[in-house]
């Protein structure tokens, strides 16, 4: 039996969806460190695979340059062995 739309708990769905999307964003940013570290060590033959990785993590680069997350992101990148740009 299908439940009517009015019967479902809409605020709970909104809170759950917001929590899930926030969790996914945190995981996305945390995966940038190891992935970019691996991409920076790529050989000359595998450079064609680096470009899609750069495009995938371009929003993290935007966060680095346009938000107060610059210093935390730099510290996290240094944990993965990436050098600080001057």
N, C-alpha and C. Protein backbone atom coordinates (compact mmCIF):
# COMPACT_ATOMS: atom_id res chain seq x y z
N UNK A 1 0.83 -1.17 0.00
CA UNK A 1 0.00 0.00 0.00
C UNK A 1 0.89 1.25 0.00
N UNK A 2 0.65 2.15 -0.91
CA UNK A 2 1.45 3.37 -1.00
C UNK A 2 0.99 4.39 0.03
N UNK A 3 1.98 5.01 0.64
CA UNK A 3 1.65 6.06 1.60
C UNK A 3 1.43 7.36 0.85
N UNK A 4 0.55 8.16 1.33
CA UNK A 4 0.33 9.47 0.74
C UNK A 4 1.51 10.37 1.08
N UNK A 5 1.75 11.35 0.21
CA UNK A 5 2.84 12.28 0.42
C UNK A 5 2.71 13.02 1.74
N UNK A 6 1.50 13.36 2.13
CA UNK A 6 1.27 14.09 3.37
C UNK A 6 1.57 13.23 4.59
N UNK A 7 1.58 11.92 4.44
CA UNK A 7 1.82 11.04 5.58
C UNK A 7 3.30 10.88 5.90
N UNK A 8 4.17 11.13 4.93
CA UNK A 8 5.59 10.92 5.20
C UNK A 8 6.15 12.07 6.02
N UNK A 9 7.22 11.80 6.71
CA UNK A 9 7.83 12.78 7.60
C UNK A 9 8.83 13.62 6.82
N UNK A 10 8.34 14.66 6.15
CA UNK A 10 9.16 15.48 5.27
C UNK A 10 10.33 16.17 5.96
N UNK A 11 10.16 16.76 7.15
CA UNK A 11 11.32 17.38 7.79
C UNK A 11 12.45 16.39 8.07
N UNK A 12 12.12 15.17 8.43
CA UNK A 12 13.13 14.16 8.67
C UNK A 12 13.87 13.81 7.38
N UNK A 13 13.17 13.77 6.26
CA UNK A 13 13.79 13.50 4.97
C UNK A 13 14.74 14.63 4.59
N UNK A 14 14.34 15.86 4.83
CA UNK A 14 15.18 17.02 4.50
C UNK A 14 16.44 17.03 5.37
N UNK A 15 16.29 16.78 6.66
CA UNK A 15 17.44 16.75 7.56
C UNK A 15 18.38 15.60 7.19
N UNK A 16 17.83 14.45 6.90
CA UNK A 16 18.64 13.30 6.51
C UNK A 16 19.38 13.56 5.21
N UNK A 17 18.70 14.14 4.24
CA UNK A 17 19.34 14.45 2.95
C UNK A 17 20.44 15.48 3.10
N UNK A 18 20.21 16.49 3.93
CA UNK A 18 21.22 17.52 4.17
C UNK A 18 22.45 16.92 4.86
N UNK A 19 22.21 16.06 5.85
CA UNK A 19 23.32 15.40 6.54
C UNK A 19 24.11 14.53 5.57
N UNK A 20 23.43 13.78 4.73
CA UNK A 20 24.09 12.90 3.77
C UNK A 20 24.93 13.69 2.77
N UNK A 21 24.39 14.78 2.25
CA UNK A 21 25.13 15.60 1.29
C UNK A 21 26.33 16.27 1.96
N UNK A 22 26.17 16.72 3.19
CA UNK A 22 27.30 17.30 3.92
C UNK A 22 28.40 16.28 4.16
N UNK A 23 28.01 15.06 4.51
CA UNK A 23 28.97 13.99 4.72
C UNK A 23 29.72 13.68 3.43
N UNK A 24 29.00 13.65 2.31
CA UNK A 24 29.65 13.40 1.02
C UNK A 24 30.64 14.49 0.66
N UNK A 25 30.32 15.75 0.98
CA UNK A 25 31.25 16.85 0.70
C UNK A 25 32.52 16.73 1.53
N UNK A 26 32.38 16.35 2.79
CA UNK A 26 33.56 16.18 3.65
C UNK A 26 34.44 15.06 3.11
N UNK A 27 33.83 13.94 2.72
CA UNK A 27 34.59 12.82 2.17
C UNK A 27 35.27 13.23 0.87
N UNK A 28 34.58 13.99 0.03
CA UNK A 28 35.16 14.48 -1.23
C UNK A 28 36.41 15.30 -0.98
N UNK A 29 36.34 16.22 -0.04
CA UNK A 29 37.50 17.08 0.26
C UNK A 29 38.63 16.25 0.87
N UNK A 30 38.30 15.29 1.73
CA UNK A 30 39.34 14.48 2.36
C UNK A 30 40.02 13.53 1.37
N UNK A 31 39.33 13.14 0.31
CA UNK A 31 39.97 12.27 -0.69
C UNK A 31 40.88 13.06 -1.62
N UNK A 32 40.77 14.37 -1.61
CA UNK A 32 41.61 15.18 -2.49
C UNK A 32 43.09 15.04 -2.15
N UNK A 33 43.42 14.93 -0.87
CA UNK A 33 44.82 14.83 -0.47
C UNK A 33 45.54 13.64 -1.08
N UNK A 34 45.07 12.42 -0.83
CA UNK A 34 45.80 11.27 -1.39
C UNK A 34 45.73 11.19 -2.91
N UNK A 35 44.61 11.57 -3.50
CA UNK A 35 44.48 11.48 -4.95
C UNK A 35 45.40 12.48 -5.64
N UNK A 36 45.44 13.70 -5.16
CA UNK A 36 46.30 14.72 -5.77
C UNK A 36 47.77 14.39 -5.51
N UNK A 37 48.09 13.80 -4.35
CA UNK A 37 49.47 13.38 -4.10
C UNK A 37 49.89 12.30 -5.09
N UNK A 38 49.01 11.36 -5.36
CA UNK A 38 49.34 10.32 -6.35
C UNK A 38 49.47 10.92 -7.75
N UNK A 39 48.59 11.85 -8.08
CA UNK A 39 48.63 12.47 -9.41
C UNK A 39 49.89 13.31 -9.59
N UNK A 40 50.36 13.93 -8.53
CA UNK A 40 51.57 14.75 -8.64
C UNK A 40 52.82 13.91 -8.85
N UNK A 41 52.76 12.63 -8.49
CA UNK A 41 53.90 11.74 -8.68
C UNK A 41 53.78 10.91 -9.94
N UNK A 42 52.85 11.24 -10.81
CA UNK A 42 52.62 10.46 -12.02
C UNK A 42 53.80 10.58 -12.97
N UNK A 43 54.05 9.51 -13.69
CA UNK A 43 55.13 9.52 -14.67
C UNK A 43 54.70 10.28 -15.92
N UNK A 44 55.64 10.51 -16.79
CA UNK A 44 55.34 11.25 -18.02
C UNK A 44 54.33 10.51 -18.90
N UNK A 45 54.37 9.18 -18.89
CA UNK A 45 53.44 8.40 -19.71
C UNK A 45 52.01 8.46 -19.19
N UNK A 46 51.85 8.64 -17.89
CA UNK A 46 50.50 8.62 -17.31
C UNK A 46 49.94 10.02 -17.07
N UNK A 47 50.56 11.05 -17.61
CA UNK A 47 50.07 12.42 -17.43
C UNK A 47 48.68 12.62 -18.05
N UNK A 48 48.31 11.80 -19.04
CA UNK A 48 46.98 11.95 -19.65
C UNK A 48 45.87 11.59 -18.67
N UNK A 49 46.21 10.85 -17.62
CA UNK A 49 45.21 10.51 -16.61
C UNK A 49 45.12 11.56 -15.52
N UNK A 50 46.08 12.46 -15.47
CA UNK A 50 46.10 13.49 -14.44
C UNK A 50 45.08 14.58 -14.73
N UNK A 51 44.88 14.91 -16.00
CA UNK A 51 43.95 15.99 -16.36
C UNK A 51 42.53 15.74 -15.85
N UNK A 52 41.94 14.53 -16.00
CA UNK A 52 40.61 14.31 -15.43
C UNK A 52 40.58 14.45 -13.91
N UNK A 53 41.67 14.06 -13.24
CA UNK A 53 41.73 14.20 -11.79
C UNK A 53 41.75 15.68 -11.42
N UNK A 54 42.49 16.47 -12.18
CA UNK A 54 42.52 17.92 -11.92
C UNK A 54 41.14 18.53 -12.10
N UNK A 55 40.42 18.10 -13.10
CA UNK A 55 39.07 18.62 -13.32
C UNK A 55 38.12 18.18 -12.21
N UNK A 56 38.25 16.94 -11.75
CA UNK A 56 37.38 16.42 -10.71
C UNK A 56 37.56 17.18 -9.40
N UNK A 57 38.81 17.53 -9.09
CA UNK A 57 39.09 18.21 -7.82
C UNK A 57 39.28 19.71 -7.98
N UNK A 58 38.87 20.29 -9.08
CA UNK A 58 38.95 21.74 -9.28
C UNK A 58 38.15 22.52 -8.23
N UNK A 59 36.98 22.04 -7.79
CA UNK A 59 36.27 22.79 -6.74
C UNK A 59 37.05 22.90 -5.43
N UNK A 60 37.88 21.92 -5.12
CA UNK A 60 38.71 22.00 -3.92
C UNK A 60 39.74 23.12 -4.10
N UNK A 61 40.25 23.26 -5.30
CA UNK A 61 41.17 24.36 -5.58
C UNK A 61 40.48 25.71 -5.43
N UNK A 62 39.23 25.77 -5.84
CA UNK A 62 38.46 27.01 -5.67
C UNK A 62 38.27 27.30 -4.18
N UNK A 63 37.97 26.27 -3.40
CA UNK A 63 37.82 26.45 -1.95
C UNK A 63 39.12 26.99 -1.35
N UNK A 64 40.23 26.51 -1.85
CA UNK A 64 41.53 26.93 -1.35
C UNK A 64 41.78 28.41 -1.62
N UNK A 65 41.35 28.88 -2.76
CA UNK A 65 41.65 30.26 -3.13
C UNK A 65 40.62 31.29 -2.74
N UNK A 66 39.39 30.88 -2.46
CA UNK A 66 38.32 31.87 -2.27
C UNK A 66 37.60 31.77 -0.93
N UNK A 67 38.05 30.93 -0.03
CA UNK A 67 37.36 30.78 1.26
C UNK A 67 38.39 30.79 2.39
N UNK A 68 37.93 30.87 3.62
CA UNK A 68 38.86 30.81 4.76
C UNK A 68 39.48 29.43 4.98
N UNK A 69 39.21 28.48 4.10
CA UNK A 69 39.77 27.13 4.24
C UNK A 69 41.18 27.01 3.68
N UNK A 70 41.78 28.12 3.29
CA UNK A 70 43.11 28.07 2.66
C UNK A 70 44.13 27.39 3.55
N UNK A 71 44.27 27.84 4.77
CA UNK A 71 45.29 27.29 5.66
C UNK A 71 45.00 25.85 6.08
N UNK A 72 43.77 25.48 6.44
CA UNK A 72 43.52 24.07 6.75
C UNK A 72 43.76 23.14 5.56
N UNK A 73 43.39 23.58 4.35
CA UNK A 73 43.62 22.75 3.17
C UNK A 73 45.11 22.61 2.87
N UNK A 74 45.88 23.68 3.08
CA UNK A 74 47.33 23.59 2.88
C UNK A 74 47.96 22.65 3.90
N UNK A 75 47.51 22.71 5.15
CA UNK A 75 48.05 21.82 6.18
C UNK A 75 47.70 20.37 5.85
N UNK A 76 46.49 20.14 5.38
CA UNK A 76 46.09 18.78 5.01
C UNK A 76 46.90 18.27 3.82
N UNK A 77 47.15 19.13 2.85
CA UNK A 77 47.95 18.73 1.69
C UNK A 77 49.38 18.41 2.10
N UNK A 78 49.92 19.13 3.07
CA UNK A 78 51.27 18.86 3.54
C UNK A 78 51.35 17.51 4.25
N UNK A 79 50.26 17.07 4.86
CA UNK A 79 50.24 15.74 5.46
C UNK A 79 50.46 14.65 4.40
N UNK A 80 50.02 14.93 3.19
CA UNK A 80 50.17 13.96 2.11
C UNK A 80 51.42 14.20 1.28
N UNK A 81 52.29 15.09 1.73
CA UNK A 81 53.57 15.29 1.08
C UNK A 81 53.56 16.31 -0.04
N UNK A 82 52.51 17.07 -0.19
CA UNK A 82 52.47 18.10 -1.23
C UNK A 82 53.13 19.37 -0.71
N UNK A 83 53.90 20.00 -1.56
CA UNK A 83 54.62 21.22 -1.18
C UNK A 83 53.69 22.42 -1.22
N UNK A 84 53.96 23.38 -0.36
CA UNK A 84 53.21 24.61 -0.30
C UNK A 84 53.66 25.51 -1.44
N UNK A 85 52.69 26.02 -2.24
CA UNK A 85 53.03 26.94 -3.33
C UNK A 85 53.31 28.32 -2.76
N UNK A 86 54.31 28.96 -3.33
CA UNK A 86 54.68 30.30 -2.86
C UNK A 86 54.31 31.32 -3.86
